[in-house]
C-alpha atoms as a PDB file:
ATOM      1  CA  MET A   1       7.731   8.149 -21.499  1.00  0.00           C
ATOM      2  CA  ARG A   2       5.150   9.883 -19.316  1.00  0.00           C
ATOM      3  CA  THR A   3       2.542   7.343 -18.314  1.00  0.00           C
ATOM      4  CA  LEU A   4      -0.710   7.762 -16.451  1.00  0.00           C
ATOM      5  CA  LEU A   5       1.002   6.422 -13.353  1.00  0.00           C
ATOM      6  CA  PHE A   6       3.416   9.345 -13.534  1.00  0.00           C
ATOM      7  CA  LEU A   7       0.726  11.894 -14.261  1.00  0.00           C
ATOM      8  CA  LEU A   8      -1.169  10.770 -11.157  1.00  0.00           C
ATOM      9  CA  LEU A   9       1.632  12.285  -9.126  1.00  0.00           C
ATOM     10  CA  THR A  10       0.417  15.772  -9.976  1.00  0.00           C
ATOM     11  CA  SER A  11      -2.944  15.205  -8.295  1.00  0.00           C
ATOM     12  CA  ALA A  12      -4.321  17.665  -5.774  1.00  0.00           C
ATOM     13  CA  SER A  13      -3.869  15.047  -3.038  1.00  0.00           C
ATOM     14  CA  PHE A  14      -0.556  16.602  -2.063  1.00  0.00           C
ATOM     15  CA  ALA A  15      -1.200  20.211  -3.026  1.00  0.00           C
ATOM     16  CA  ALA A  16       0.585  22.841  -0.983  1.00  0.00           C
ATOM     17  CA  ASP A  17      -2.741  24.201   0.273  1.00  0.00           C
ATOM     18  CA  LEU A  18      -3.774  20.952   1.960  1.00  0.00           C
ATOM     19  CA  VAL A  19      -6.407  21.834   4.577  1.00  0.00           C
ATOM     20  CA  ILE A  20      -5.834  20.275   7.998  1.00  0.00           C
ATOM     21  CA  PRO A  21      -9.132  19.697   9.849  1.00  0.00           C
ATOM     22  CA  ASP A  22      -9.396  21.170  13.340  1.00  0.00           C
ATOM     23  CA  THR A  23      -9.950  17.679  14.748  1.00  0.00           C
ATOM     24  CA  VAL A  24      -6.707  16.269  13.337  1.00  0.00           C
ATOM     25  CA  THR A  25      -3.021  16.558  14.204  1.00  0.00           C
ATOM     26  CA  PHE A  26      -0.782  16.330  11.120  1.00  0.00           C
ATOM     27  CA  THR A  27       2.987  15.940  11.365  1.00  0.00           C
ATOM     28  CA  ARG A  28       5.205  15.935   8.288  1.00  0.00           C
ATOM     29  CA  ASP A  29       8.693  14.608   7.623  1.00  0.00           C
ATOM     30  CA  ILE A  30       9.242  12.099  10.433  1.00  0.00           C
ATOM     31  CA  GLU A  31      12.260   9.932   9.653  1.00  0.00           C
ATOM     32  CA  TYR A  32      11.559   6.229  10.149  1.00  0.00           C
ATOM     33  CA  ALA A  33      14.673   4.655   8.594  1.00  0.00           C
ATOM     34  CA  ASN A  34      17.928   5.582   6.888  1.00  0.00           C
ATOM     35  CA  PRO A  35      19.045   2.789   4.536  1.00  0.00           C
ATOM     36  CA  ASP A  36      21.934   3.828   2.291  1.00  0.00           C
ATOM     37  CA  ASN A  37      21.709   7.351   3.731  1.00  0.00           C
ATOM     38  CA  GLN A  38      18.276   7.927   2.155  1.00  0.00           C
ATOM     39  CA  HIS A  39      16.557   9.386   5.268  1.00  0.00           C
ATOM     40  CA  LEU A  40      13.154   7.833   4.589  1.00  0.00           C
ATOM     41  CA  GLN A  41      10.211   9.686   6.107  1.00  0.00           C
ATOM     42  CA  VAL A  42       6.517   9.441   6.856  1.00  0.00           C
ATOM     43  CA  ASN A  43       3.744  11.973   7.313  1.00  0.00           C
ATOM     44  CA  LEU A  44       1.418  11.174  10.212  1.00  0.00           C
ATOM     45  CA  ALA A  45      -2.209  12.156  10.776  1.00  0.00           C
ATOM     46  CA  ARG A  46      -3.984  11.441  14.088  1.00  0.00           C
ATOM     47  CA  PRO A  47      -7.247  12.325  15.792  1.00  0.00           C
ATOM     48  CA  LYS A  48      -6.451  15.379  17.927  1.00  0.00           C
ATOM     49  CA  ASN A  49      -8.348  14.477  21.082  1.00  0.00           C
ATOM     50  CA  ALA A  50      -8.369  10.691  20.915  1.00  0.00           C
ATOM     51  CA  SER A  51      -8.847   8.695  24.092  1.00  0.00           C
ATOM     52  CA  GLY A  52      -7.181   5.320  24.419  1.00  0.00           C
ATOM     53  CA  LEU A  53      -5.228   3.512  21.740  1.00  0.00           C
ATOM     54  CA  GLN A  54      -6.231   4.064  18.122  1.00  0.00           C
ATOM     55  CA  PRO A  55      -5.994   1.642  15.186  1.00  0.00           C
ATOM     56  CA  ALA A  56      -3.472   2.641  12.520  1.00  0.00           C
ATOM     57  CA  ILE A  57      -3.223   2.465   8.740  1.00  0.00           C
ATOM     58  CA  VAL A  58      -0.105   2.538   6.573  1.00  0.00           C
ATOM     59  CA  CYS A  59      -0.631   4.172   3.145  1.00  0.00           C
ATOM     60  CA  ILE A  60       1.760   3.299   0.300  1.00  0.00           C
ATOM     61  CA  HIS A  61       1.881   5.488  -2.814  1.00  0.00           C
ATOM     62  CA  GLY A  62       2.003   4.260  -6.399  1.00  0.00           C
ATOM     63  CA  GLY A  63       4.117   5.360  -9.335  1.00  0.00           C
ATOM     64  CA  GLY A  64       5.289   2.255 -11.141  1.00  0.00           C
ATOM     65  CA  PHE A  65       7.905   1.468  -8.467  1.00  0.00           C
ATOM     66  CA  ARG A  66      10.049   4.245  -9.968  1.00  0.00           C
ATOM     67  CA  ALA A  67       8.196   7.458  -9.121  1.00  0.00           C
ATOM     68  CA  GLY A  68       5.664   8.899  -6.713  1.00  0.00           C
ATOM     69  CA  LYS A  69       5.647  10.755  -3.422  1.00  0.00           C
ATOM     70  CA  ARG A  70       4.176   9.974  -0.033  1.00  0.00           C
ATOM     71  CA  GLU A  71       2.339  13.322  -0.140  1.00  0.00           C
ATOM     72  CA  SER A  72      -0.094  11.835  -2.659  1.00  0.00           C
ATOM     73  CA  TYR A  73      -1.778  10.140   0.314  1.00  0.00           C
ATOM     74  CA  ASP A  74      -1.785  13.106   2.698  1.00  0.00           C
ATOM     75  CA  LYS A  75      -5.456  13.760   2.009  1.00  0.00           C
ATOM     76  CA  LEU A  76      -6.425  10.135   2.615  1.00  0.00           C
ATOM     77  CA  CYS A  77      -4.480  10.152   5.884  1.00  0.00           C
ATOM     78  CA  LEU A  78      -6.427  13.202   7.025  1.00  0.00           C
ATOM     79  CA  THR A  79      -9.709  11.520   6.101  1.00  0.00           C
ATOM     80  CA  LEU A  80      -8.715   8.389   8.007  1.00  0.00           C
ATOM     81  CA  ALA A  81      -7.770  10.489  11.044  1.00  0.00           C
ATOM     82  CA  GLU A  82     -11.235  12.048  10.945  1.00  0.00           C
ATOM     83  CA  HIS A  83     -12.600   8.500  11.113  1.00  0.00           C
ATOM     84  CA  GLY A  84     -10.567   7.665  14.218  1.00  0.00           C
ATOM     85  CA  TYR A  85      -7.355   6.252  12.784  1.00  0.00           C
ATOM     86  CA  ALA A  86      -3.716   7.154  13.041  1.00  0.00           C
ATOM     87  CA  ALA A  87      -2.452   7.056   9.463  1.00  0.00           C
ATOM     88  CA  ILE A  88       0.998   7.342   7.922  1.00  0.00           C
ATOM     89  CA  THR A  89       1.999   7.808   4.309  1.00  0.00           C
ATOM     90  CA  VAL A  90       5.392   6.328   3.512  1.00  0.00           C
ATOM     91  CA  THR A  91       8.389   7.211   1.350  1.00  0.00           C
ATOM     92  CA  TYR A  92      10.257   4.148   0.066  1.00  0.00           C
ATOM     93  CA  ARG A  93      13.272   3.617  -2.171  1.00  0.00           C
ATOM     94  CA  LEU A  94      12.529   3.675  -5.896  1.00  0.00           C
ATOM     95  CA  ALA A  95      13.749   1.849  -8.992  1.00  0.00           C
ATOM     96  CA  PRO A  96      15.934   1.750 -10.950  1.00  0.00           C
ATOM     97  CA  GLN A  97      18.463   2.848  -8.329  1.00  0.00           C
ATOM     98  CA  TYR A  98      16.904   0.506  -5.785  1.00  0.00           C
ATOM     99  CA  LYS A  99      15.514  -2.742  -7.107  1.00  0.00           C
ATOM    100  CA  PHE A 100      13.223  -5.316  -5.543  1.00  0.00           C
ATOM    101  CA  PRO A 101      12.970  -6.050  -2.635  1.00  0.00           C
ATOM    102  CA  ALA A 102      14.136  -2.638  -1.332  1.00  0.00           C
ATOM    103  CA  ALA A 103      10.641  -1.110  -1.547  1.00  0.00           C
ATOM    104  CA  VAL A 104       9.106  -4.068   0.282  1.00  0.00           C
ATOM    105  CA  GLN A 105      11.744  -3.897   3.005  1.00  0.00           C
ATOM    106  CA  ASP A 106      11.136  -0.181   3.485  1.00  0.00           C
ATOM    107  CA  CYS A 107       7.373  -0.603   3.848  1.00  0.00           C
ATOM    108  CA  LYS A 108       7.843  -3.408   6.367  1.00  0.00           C
ATOM    109  CA  THR A 109      10.309  -1.235   8.259  1.00  0.00           C
ATOM    110  CA  ALA A 110       7.665   1.516   8.376  1.00  0.00           C
ATOM    111  CA  VAL A 111       5.193  -0.895   9.971  1.00  0.00           C
ATOM    112  CA  ARG A 112       7.774  -1.891  12.569  1.00  0.00           C
ATOM    113  CA  TRP A 113       8.573   1.785  13.228  1.00  0.00           C
ATOM    114  CA  LEU A 114       4.884   2.411  13.844  1.00  0.00           C
ATOM    115  CA  ARG A 115       4.776  -0.401  16.394  1.00  0.00           C
ATOM    116  CA  ALA A 116       7.960   0.793  18.069  1.00  0.00           C
ATOM    117  CA  HIS A 117       6.370   4.236  18.536  1.00  0.00           C
ATOM    118  CA  ALA A 118       2.882   3.005  19.377  1.00  0.00           C
ATOM    119  CA  ALA A 119       2.889   4.355  22.907  1.00  0.00           C
ATOM    120  CA  GLU A 120       4.169   7.761  21.785  1.00  0.00           C
ATOM    121  CA  TYR A 121       1.400   8.176  19.216  1.00  0.00           C
ATOM    122  CA  GLN A 122      -1.434   6.382  21.087  1.00  0.00           C
ATOM    123  CA  ILE A 123      -1.551   3.524  18.574  1.00  0.00           C
ATOM    124  CA  ASP A 124      -2.751  -0.014  19.184  1.00  0.00           C
ATOM    125  CA  PRO A 125       0.083  -2.183  17.814  1.00  0.00           C
ATOM    126  CA  GLU A 126      -2.323  -5.086  17.359  1.00  0.00           C
ATOM    127  CA  ARG A 127      -4.548  -3.143  14.942  1.00  0.00           C
ATOM    128  CA  ILE A 128      -2.542  -1.980  11.928  1.00  0.00           C
ATOM    129  CA  GLY A 129      -3.944  -2.062   8.391  1.00  0.00           C
ATOM    130  CA  VAL A 130      -2.266  -1.208   5.101  1.00  0.00           C
ATOM    131  CA  THR A 131      -3.440   0.227   1.816  1.00  0.00           C
ATOM    132  CA  GLY A 132      -1.988   1.463  -1.444  1.00  0.00           C
ATOM    133  CA  GLY A 133      -2.736   2.025  -5.100  1.00  0.00           C
ATOM    134  CA  SER A 134      -1.117   0.474  -8.178  1.00  0.00           C
ATOM    135  CA  ALA A 135       2.532  -0.207  -7.243  1.00  0.00           C
ATOM    136  CA  GLY A 136       1.474   0.764  -3.711  1.00  0.00           C
ATOM    137  CA  GLY A 137      -1.352  -1.755  -3.915  1.00  0.00           C
ATOM    138  CA  HIS A 138       1.185  -4.418  -4.862  1.00  0.00           C
ATOM    139  CA  LEU A 139       3.365  -3.473  -1.881  1.00  0.00           C
ATOM    140  CA  ALA A 140       0.379  -3.417   0.488  1.00  0.00           C
ATOM    141  CA  GLN A 141      -0.668  -6.846  -0.751  1.00  0.00           C
ATOM    142  CA  PHE A 142       2.904  -8.085  -0.374  1.00  0.00           C
ATOM    143  CA  LEU A 143       2.906  -7.078   3.286  1.00  0.00           C
ATOM    144  CA  GLY A 144      -0.338  -8.969   3.758  1.00  0.00           C
ATOM    145  CA  VAL A 145       1.078 -12.287   2.530  1.00  0.00           C
ATOM    146  CA  THR A 146       4.703 -12.247   3.756  1.00  0.00           C
ATOM    147  CA  ALA A 147       4.590 -11.617   7.507  1.00  0.00           C
ATOM    148  CA  GLY A 148       7.767 -12.958   9.055  1.00  0.00           C
ATOM    149  CA  VAL A 149       9.547 -13.815   5.786  1.00  0.00           C
ATOM    150  CA  LYS A 150      13.078 -12.825   6.730  1.00  0.00           C
ATOM    151  CA  GLN A 151      14.406 -11.852   3.294  1.00  0.00           C
ATOM    152  CA  PHE A 152      11.834  -9.058   3.058  1.00  0.00           C
ATOM    153  CA  GLU A 153      12.173  -7.581   6.531  1.00  0.00           C
ATOM    154  CA  GLY A 154      14.927  -5.007   6.074  1.00  0.00           C
ATOM    155  CA  GLU A 155      16.543  -3.247   9.034  1.00  0.00           C
ATOM    156  CA  GLY A 156      15.197  -1.073  11.811  1.00  0.00           C
ATOM    157  CA  ASN A 157      13.213  -1.929  14.966  1.00  0.00           C
ATOM    158  CA  ASN A 158      13.657  -5.606  14.187  1.00  0.00           C
ATOM    159  CA  ASP A 159      12.341  -6.533  17.615  1.00  0.00           C
ATOM    160  CA  GLN A 160       8.903  -5.537  16.260  1.00  0.00           C
ATOM    161  CA  SER A 161       6.649  -7.430  13.850  1.00  0.00           C
ATOM    162  CA  SER A 162       5.891  -6.197  10.322  1.00  0.00           C
ATOM    163  CA  ALA A 163       2.623  -8.159  10.170  1.00  0.00           C
ATOM    164  CA  VAL A 164      -0.543  -6.286   9.244  1.00  0.00           C
ATOM    165  CA  THR A 165      -4.096  -6.989  10.332  1.00  0.00           C
ATOM    166  CA  CYS A 166      -5.763  -6.381   6.961  1.00  0.00           C
ATOM    167  CA  VAL A 167      -5.153  -5.030   3.456  1.00  0.00           C
ATOM    168  CA  VAL A 168      -6.994  -2.769   1.020  1.00  0.00           C
ATOM    169  CA  ASN A 169      -5.425  -3.137  -2.407  1.00  0.00           C
ATOM    170  CA  TYR A 170      -6.395  -0.530  -4.991  1.00  0.00           C
ATOM    171  CA  TYR A 171      -5.638  -1.867  -8.496  1.00  0.00           C
ATOM    172  CA  GLY A 172      -2.293  -3.409  -7.568  1.00  0.00           C
ATOM    173  CA  PRO A 173      -0.864  -6.337  -9.573  1.00  0.00           C
ATOM    174  CA  SER A 174      -0.646  -9.781  -7.982  1.00  0.00           C
ATOM    175  CA  ASP A 175       1.290 -11.775 -10.631  1.00  0.00           C
ATOM    176  CA  LEU A 176       4.011  -9.763 -12.313  1.00  0.00           C
ATOM    177  CA  THR A 177       4.986 -12.691 -14.529  1.00  0.00           C
ATOM    178  CA  LYS A 178       1.702 -12.163 -16.381  1.00  0.00           C
ATOM    179  CA  SER A 179       1.755  -8.376 -16.660  1.00  0.00           C
ATOM    180  CA  TYR A 180       3.655  -8.235 -19.942  1.00  0.00           C
ATOM    181  CA  GLY A 181       1.273  -7.882 -22.881  1.00  0.00           C
ATOM    182  CA  LYS A 182      -1.623  -7.106 -20.515  1.00  0.00           C
ATOM    183  CA  SER A 183      -0.395  -3.684 -19.388  1.00  0.00           C
ATOM    184  CA  VAL A 184       0.509  -0.649 -21.471  1.00  0.00           C
ATOM    185  CA  ASP A 185       3.672   0.016 -19.478  1.00  0.00           C
ATOM    186  CA  ALA A 186       4.760  -3.265 -17.831  1.00  0.00           C
ATOM    187  CA  ALA A 187       7.560  -3.750 -20.348  1.00  0.00           C
ATOM    188  CA  GLU A 188       8.896  -0.332 -19.366  1.00  0.00           C
ATOM    189  CA  VAL A 189       8.344  -0.517 -15.613  1.00  0.00           C
ATOM    190  CA  LEU A 190       9.095  -4.068 -14.491  1.00  0.00           C
ATOM    191  CA  PRO A 191      12.625  -4.413 -15.922  1.00  0.00           C
ATOM    192  CA  LEU A 192      13.572  -1.337 -13.877  1.00  0.00           C
ATOM    193  CA  PHE A 193      12.125  -2.890 -10.724  1.00  0.00           C
ATOM    194  CA  PHE A 194      13.679  -6.326 -11.188  1.00  0.00           C
ATOM    195  CA  GLY A 195      16.822  -5.482 -13.163  1.00  0.00           C
ATOM    196  CA  GLY A 196      15.625  -7.331 -16.251  1.00  0.00           C
ATOM    197  CA  ASP A 197      12.591  -8.815 -18.009  1.00  0.00           C
ATOM    198  CA  LEU A 198      11.182 -12.348 -17.902  1.00  0.00           C
ATOM    199  CA  SER A 199      13.959 -13.680 -20.104  1.00  0.00           C
ATOM    200  CA  THR A 200      16.668 -12.710 -17.605  1.00  0.00           C
ATOM    201  CA  LYS A 201      14.877 -12.231 -14.256  1.00  0.00           C
ATOM    202  CA  LEU A 202      12.023 -14.748 -14.195  1.00  0.00           C
ATOM    203  CA  LYS A 203      12.835 -15.917 -10.665  1.00  0.00           C
ATOM    204  CA  GLU A 204      12.695 -12.343  -9.367  1.00  0.00           C
ATOM    205  CA  HIS A 205       9.331 -11.759 -11.057  1.00  0.00           C
ATOM    206  CA  ILE A 206       7.938 -14.862  -9.349  1.00  0.00           C
ATOM    207  CA  ILE A 207       9.381 -14.006  -5.928  1.00  0.00           C
ATOM    208  CA  GLY A 208       8.137 -10.436  -6.339  1.00  0.00           C
ATOM    209  CA  SER A 209       4.522 -11.470  -7.010  1.00  0.00           C
ATOM    210  CA  PRO A 210       2.174 -11.573  -3.993  1.00  0.00           C
ATOM    211  CA  LEU A 211       0.137 -14.356  -5.622  1.00  0.00           C
ATOM    212  CA  TYR A 212       2.911 -16.871  -4.980  1.00  0.00           C
ATOM    213  CA  TRP A 213       3.182 -16.052  -1.266  1.00  0.00           C
ATOM    214  CA  VAL A 214      -0.432 -16.684  -0.276  1.00  0.00           C
ATOM    215  CA  THR A 215      -0.893 -18.993   2.714  1.00  0.00           C
ATOM    216  CA  PRO A 216      -3.720 -19.494   5.221  1.00  0.00           C
ATOM    217  CA  LEU A 217      -1.884 -16.978   7.428  1.00  0.00           C
ATOM    218  CA  ALA A 218      -2.390 -14.105   4.968  1.00  0.00           C
ATOM    219  CA  ALA A 219      -4.250 -10.996   6.101  1.00  0.00           C
ATOM    220  CA  PRO A 220      -7.913 -10.417   5.176  1.00  0.00           C
ATOM    221  CA  THR A 221      -7.991  -8.424   1.961  1.00  0.00           C
ATOM    222  CA  LEU A 222     -10.248  -6.114  -0.017  1.00  0.00           C
ATOM    223  CA  CYS A 223      -9.296  -5.557  -3.656  1.00  0.00           C
ATOM    224  CA  VAL A 224     -10.883  -2.608  -5.467  1.00  0.00           C
ATOM    225  CA  HIS A 225     -10.201  -2.606  -9.195  1.00  0.00           C
ATOM    226  CA  GLY A 226     -11.538  -0.973 -12.342  1.00  0.00           C
ATOM    227  CA  THR A 227     -12.821  -3.422 -14.922  1.00  0.00           C
ATOM    228  CA  GLU A 228     -11.264  -1.442 -17.796  1.00  0.00           C
ATOM    229  CA  ASP A 229      -7.835  -0.790 -16.283  1.00  0.00           C
ATOM    230  CA  PRO A 230      -5.197  -0.646 -19.064  1.00  0.00           C
ATOM    231  CA  TYR A 231      -2.242  -0.504 -16.650  1.00  0.00           C
ATOM    232  CA  VAL A 232      -3.079  -3.347 -14.283  1.00  0.00           C
ATOM    233  CA  ALA A 233      -5.535  -5.801 -15.805  1.00  0.00           C
ATOM    234  CA  PHE A 234      -8.689  -6.508 -13.796  1.00  0.00           C
ATOM    235  CA  GLU A 235      -7.860 -10.227 -13.807  1.00  0.00           C
ATOM    236  CA  GLN A 236      -4.910  -9.508 -11.512  1.00  0.00           C
ATOM    237  CA  ALA A 237      -7.407  -8.783  -8.725  1.00  0.00           C
ATOM    238  CA  THR A 238      -9.453 -11.896  -9.436  1.00  0.00           C
ATOM    239  CA  TRP A 239      -6.364 -14.103  -9.164  1.00  0.00           C
ATOM    240  CA  ILE A 240      -5.284 -12.897  -5.728  1.00  0.00           C
ATOM    241  CA  VAL A 241      -8.827 -12.904  -4.320  1.00  0.00           C
ATOM    242  CA  ASP A 242      -9.475 -16.434  -5.603  1.00  0.00           C
ATOM    243  CA  LYS A 243      -6.199 -17.737  -4.184  1.00  0.00           C
ATOM    244  CA  LEU A 244      -6.796 -16.111  -0.807  1.00  0.00           C
ATOM    245  CA  LYS A 245     -10.256 -17.669  -0.665  1.00  0.00           C
ATOM    246  CA  ALA A 246      -8.818 -21.061  -1.627  1.00  0.00           C
ATOM    247  CA  SER A 247      -6.497 -20.708   1.376  1.00  0.00           C
ATOM    248  CA  GLN A 248      -9.481 -19.961   3.648  1.00  0.00           C
ATOM    249  CA  VAL A 249      -8.501 -16.296   3.979  1.00  0.00           C
ATOM    250  CA  GLU A 250     -11.234 -13.678   3.925  1.00  0.00           C
ATOM    251  CA  ALA A 251     -11.017 -11.842   0.599  1.00  0.00           C
ATOM    252  CA  THR A 252     -13.402  -9.560  -1.272  1.00  0.00           C
ATOM    253  CA  LEU A 253     -13.247  -8.070  -4.761  1.00  0.00           C
ATOM    254  CA  LEU A 254     -15.100  -4.844  -5.478  1.00  0.00           C
ATOM    255  CA  PRO A 255     -15.182  -4.235  -9.240  1.00  0.00           C
ATOM    256  CA  ILE A 256     -15.573  -0.627 -10.337  1.00  0.00           C
ATOM    257  CA  GLU A 257     -17.452  -1.152 -13.581  1.00  0.00           C
ATOM    258  CA  GLY A 258     -16.001   0.672 -16.562  1.00  0.00           C
ATOM    259  CA  ALA A 259     -13.299   2.356 -14.504  1.00  0.00           C
ATOM    260  CA  GLY A 260      -9.709   2.648 -15.631  1.00  0.00           C
ATOM    261  CA  HIS A 261      -6.611   3.193 -13.527  1.00  0.00           C
ATOM    262  CA  GLY A 262      -6.923   5.624 -10.648  1.00  0.00           C
ATOM    263  CA  PHE A 263     -10.730   6.003 -10.358  1.00  0.00           C
ATOM    264  CA  LYS A 264     -10.847   9.387 -12.078  1.00  0.00           C
ATOM    265  CA  LYS A 265     -14.625   9.771 -11.929  1.00  0.00           C
ATOM    266  CA  PRO A 266     -15.721  11.303  -8.609  1.00  0.00           C
ATOM    267  CA  GLU A 267     -18.400   8.661  -8.125  1.00  0.00           C
ATOM    268  CA  ASP A 268     -15.844   5.870  -8.632  1.00  0.00           C
ATOM    269  CA  ALA A 269     -13.389   7.452  -6.205  1.00  0.00           C
ATOM    270  CA  ALA A 270     -16.143   7.933  -3.621  1.00  0.00           C
ATOM    271  CA  LYS A 271     -17.292   4.314  -3.952  1.00  0.00           C
ATOM    272  CA  ALA A 272     -13.727   3.062  -3.529  1.00  0.00           C
ATOM    273  CA  GLU A 273     -13.045   5.268  -0.491  1.00  0.00           C
ATOM    274  CA  LYS A 274     -16.276   4.237   1.219  1.00  0.00           C
ATOM    275  CA  ALA A 275     -15.412   0.579   0.686  1.00  0.00           C
ATOM    276  CA  LEU A 276     -11.948   1.174   2.143  1.00  0.00           C
ATOM    277  CA  ILE A 277     -13.267   2.890   5.275  1.00  0.00           C
ATOM    278  CA  ASP A 278     -16.016   0.308   5.781  1.00  0.00           C
ATOM    279  CA  PHE A 279     -13.503  -2.536   5.451  1.00  0.00           C
ATOM    280  CA  PHE A 280     -11.040  -0.998   7.893  1.00  0.00           C
ATOM    281  CA  ASP A 281     -13.847  -0.208  10.342  1.00  0.00           C
ATOM    282  CA  ALA A 282     -14.966  -3.845  10.238  1.00  0.00           C
ATOM    283  CA  HIS A 283     -11.468  -5.236  10.825  1.00  0.00           C
ATOM    284  CA  LEU A 284      -9.784  -2.625  13.009  1.00  0.00           C
ATOM    285  CA  LYS A 285     -12.571  -1.249  15.198  1.00  0.00           C
ATOM    286  CA  GLN A 286     -13.929  -4.477  16.555  1.00  0.00           C
ATOM    287  CA  THR A 287     -14.398  -4.636  20.308  1.00  0.00           C
ATOM    288  CA  ARG A 288     -11.412  -6.366  21.844  1.00  0.00           C
END
């Protein structure tokens, strides 16, 4: 069944006629890992004439854990580069061929790859943020709450840390045990990701939910979520923000009133992007 999550993949964000600003260097198809001979790659945008080390942002695409392409965040990476960031958009292994935690491991490996190549790309390894939408928001949030948890690390540049400085989560779920009945496609998507539903894979649903990994060591987080989202219920954002706050972690929820999944209205998309840039500026551009 074609869902909205799948249809989002056709967006102009990764159109063939992507315009590269004169102030930005954009490099496609850099391999960062090769688990199971999958040759996983990133696209990288950087300020062209940057001086000193730049903060970096990892962008993780959505698609219900079973679809999507890194190119959907090419445009955002270019925008971030114009604002002084190095930004990568990441390919990760998809369900049902690759089940949880493969996607998490790949995203953590991408962070470690970025640190391992920090000198080459003029990146400050101490200032790395992460963002994503929908399934990508879930994965971004997961990175923010599981730094150093060995079972999620994967392989590649394991002498580097996969910790992130901060997270911007666009409409990503936090408790996958409570998605069924609250999402129009959870019953289709989640059994592919976990290899079964709650009746057969409850433990995996719990382990795979960022909400249950929150500690006081979690990364500061901004959640941006539409109040009328039929794919990931708005309450999912309230749960993770409340739990982060209860753990004395900085957390902010920006509701987009009346918005559904994906911020289709230009004014909603603009509000969300401004919040993202402002949040990253506050957490990654502080004087050190």
